[in-house]
Protein backbone atom coordinates (compact mmCIF):
# COMPACT_ATOMS: atom_id res chain seq x y z
CA UNK A 1 -9.82 -0.78 -2.37
CA UNK A 2 -11.91 -3.64 -1.21
CA UNK A 3 -10.26 -3.16 2.41
CA UNK A 4 -12.14 -5.77 3.57
CA UNK A 5 -10.62 -7.75 1.32
CA UNK A 6 -7.23 -7.17 3.91
CA UNK A 7 -8.71 -7.18 7.35
CA UNK A 8 -8.62 -10.82 8.24
CA UNK A 9 -5.45 -10.12 7.97
CA UNK A 10 -4.08 -7.60 9.22
CA UNK A 11 -5.75 -7.66 11.99
CA UNK A 12 -4.27 -10.89 12.82
CA UNK A 13 -1.26 -8.94 12.84
CA UNK A 14 -2.28 -5.59 14.81
CA UNK A 15 -1.57 -3.40 11.34
CA UNK A 16 -4.31 -0.59 11.09
CA UNK A 17 -6.30 -0.32 8.27
CA UNK A 18 -7.87 3.84 7.08
CA UNK A 19 -9.41 4.08 4.27
CA UNK A 20 -9.29 7.28 2.67
CA UNK A 21 -10.21 7.07 -0.89
CA UNK A 22 -7.52 8.46 -2.45
CA UNK A 23 -7.78 11.68 -0.21
CA UNK A 24 -5.56 12.91 3.14
CA UNK A 25 -8.12 15.24 5.68
CA UNK A 26 -6.71 16.66 8.07
CA UNK A 27 -7.60 14.38 10.71
CA UNK A 28 -6.25 11.46 8.54
CA UNK A 29 -2.93 13.60 8.37
CA UNK A 30 -3.80 13.86 12.10
CA UNK A 31 -3.86 10.27 12.55
CA UNK A 32 -0.50 9.12 10.15
CA UNK A 33 1.39 12.03 12.37
CA UNK A 34 0.51 10.77 15.92
CA UNK A 35 0.66 7.83 14.97
CA UNK A 36 4.40 8.10 14.51
CA UNK A 37 5.21 9.79 17.33
CA UNK A 38 4.48 7.03 18.77
CA UNK A 39 7.39 5.51 17.57
CA UNK A 40 4.83 3.20 14.64
CA UNK A 41 5.37 2.66 11.71
CA UNK A 42 3.06 4.42 8.57
CA UNK A 43 2.66 3.38 4.93
CA UNK A 44 0.22 4.73 2.34
CA UNK A 45 -0.66 1.72 0.25
CA UNK A 46 -2.00 3.22 -3.15
CA UNK A 47 -2.27 2.00 -6.87
CA UNK A 48 -0.11 2.43 -9.47
CA UNK A 49 -1.76 5.56 -11.10
CA UNK A 50 -0.70 9.07 -11.98
CA UNK A 51 -3.11 9.43 -8.41
CA UNK A 52 -1.68 7.00 -6.35
CA UNK A 53 1.78 8.99 -7.16
CA UNK A 54 0.46 12.45 -5.64
CA UNK A 55 -1.69 11.18 -2.52
CA UNK A 56 2.21 10.92 -0.25
CA UNK A 57 3.07 14.23 -1.19
CA UNK A 58 -0.26 15.58 0.54
CA UNK A 59 0.95 14.38 4.10
CA UNK A 60 2.72 17.02 6.05
CA UNK A 61 5.68 14.65 7.26
CA UNK A 62 6.98 12.39 4.22
CA UNK A 63 5.40 8.80 4.35
CA UNK A 64 6.40 5.22 3.46
CA UNK A 65 4.96 4.55 0.18
CA UNK A 66 4.05 0.73 0.22
CA UNK A 67 1.55 0.86 -2.99
CA UNK A 68 2.08 -1.41 -5.79
CA UNK A 69 4.14 -0.55 -9.16
CA UNK A 70 5.64 -2.73 -11.79
CA UNK A 71 7.88 -4.34 -8.87
CA UNK A 72 5.17 -5.86 -7.12
CA UNK A 73 4.24 -7.87 -9.74
CA UNK A 74 7.91 -9.15 -10.52
CA UNK A 75 8.01 -9.94 -6.51
CA UNK A 76 4.82 -11.94 -6.67
CA UNK A 77 5.46 -13.85 -9.28
CA UNK A 78 9.07 -14.97 -7.54
CA UNK A 79 6.69 -15.89 -4.34
CA UNK A 80 4.86 -18.56 -6.08
CA UNK A 81 1.79 -16.35 -8.37
CA UNK A 82 0.56 -16.64 -11.72
CA UNK A 83 0.55 -13.17 -13.09
CA UNK A 84 2.33 -10.73 -15.89
CA UNK A 85 1.83 -7.58 -16.12
CA UNK A 86 -0.39 -7.82 -18.69
CA UNK A 87 -2.57 -9.66 -16.84
CA UNK A 88 -3.25 -6.66 -14.98
CA UNK A 89 -2.44 -3.27 -15.95
CA UNK A 90 -4.74 -1.43 -17.74
CA UNK A 91 -4.86 1.52 -20.24
CA UNK A 92 -6.15 5.03 -19.15
CA UNK A 93 -6.01 8.46 -19.61
CA UNK A 94 -4.74 9.78 -16.10
CA UNK A 95 -6.71 12.61 -14.56
CA UNK A 96 -3.65 14.81 -13.30
CA UNK A 97 -0.17 15.04 -15.10
CA UNK A 98 2.50 12.88 -14.34
CA UNK A 99 6.39 12.90 -15.48
CA UNK A 100 5.89 9.42 -15.62
CA UNK A 101 6.01 7.77 -18.91
CA UNK A 102 4.53 4.54 -18.25
CA UNK A 103 2.32 6.66 -15.82
CA UNK A 104 1.31 8.91 -19.02
CA UNK A 105 -0.52 5.27 -20.36
CA UNK A 106 -1.47 2.85 -17.74
CA UNK A 107 -1.70 1.84 -14.56
CA UNK A 108 -2.18 -1.01 -12.58
CA UNK A 109 -4.90 -1.28 -9.28
CA UNK A 110 -4.68 -3.13 -6.31
CA UNK A 111 -8.20 -4.51 -7.44
CA UNK A 112 -6.35 -5.82 -9.78
CA UNK A 113 -4.07 -7.78 -8.36
CA UNK A 114 -5.84 -9.46 -5.62
CA UNK A 115 -7.84 -10.68 -8.47
CA UNK A 116 -5.11 -12.71 -10.06
CA UNK A 117 -3.19 -12.94 -6.41
CA UNK A 118 -6.38 -13.04 -4.40
CA UNK A 119 -6.67 -11.81 -1.09
CA UNK A 120 -3.65 -12.96 1.23
CA UNK A 121 -0.77 -13.41 -1.51
CA UNK A 122 -1.37 -9.44 -2.03
CA UNK A 123 -1.52 -9.43 1.91
CA UNK A 124 2.24 -10.95 2.01
CA UNK A 125 3.71 -8.59 -0.67
CA UNK A 126 2.05 -5.82 1.86
CA UNK A 127 3.69 -7.49 4.30
CA UNK A 128 7.14 -8.21 2.63
CA UNK A 129 7.28 -3.95 2.60
CA UNK A 130 6.37 -3.38 5.37
CA UNK A 131 9.62 -5.20 7.00
CA UNK A 132 11.53 -3.57 4.46
CA UNK A 133 10.50 -0.22 5.14
CA UNK A 134 9.90 -0.40 8.58
CA UNK A 135 13.36 -2.17 8.87
CA UNK A 136 15.19 1.12 6.69
CA UNK A 137 13.58 3.44 9.56
CA UNK A 138 15.01 1.34 12.03
CA UNK A 139 12.09 0.14 13.59
CA UNK A 140 10.95 -2.37 14.98
CA UNK A 141 7.39 -3.72 13.01
CA UNK A 142 7.14 -6.71 15.35
CA UNK A 143 6.78 -4.06 18.49
CA UNK A 144 2.39 -4.11 17.64
CA UNK A 145 -0.60 -2.50 21.14
CA UNK A 146 -2.00 -6.41 21.70
CA UNK A 147 -5.33 -6.87 21.94
CA UNK A 148 -7.56 -7.43 24.68
CA UNK A 149 -7.73 -10.77 25.17
CA UNK A 150 -4.74 -11.99 22.49
C-alpha cells in the first residue's frame, strides 16, 4: 500500500505509520515493544491475504490487527460508501499455506479498498478499528504526544 495516501490523516491524529513491506526487522520488533512499554497502542495494518494473516505472528508479543477483511467491506458499506466484495476481492494462489478457505483462493488488498472508498474512507475504518481495539486493551487512544507548535 502507498503509505503516503494515509500520511495526512495519520499526522492529524498523531498516529505513527511504519511501512515494513510485510516483514518485521529486529529494529521494527524493538520499536513495537518500546511503544507498548510506553503505553501506546500498536496495531498492524495488513492486507487480507495469506501473508497478511501471518505477519502478526512474527512479533515478539501479541499485537492487534487493524487490517482489512470481509467485515471491513460491510463496515464501509454501512458508513456511506458504495463498494461490494466482488469489486475488491481478487483471485490468487497464495505463496504460503493457509487454513482459511477464503484466503486459499481470494485476497483483498488495502489498495483495492482505498481505490473504491478513497484514502479518507479507509482512514475512517482504521480509526474505527484503533478506537475499538484500544478500548478493548484498556488504553486511552486520545492520549497522544502533541507535536511542537500544536
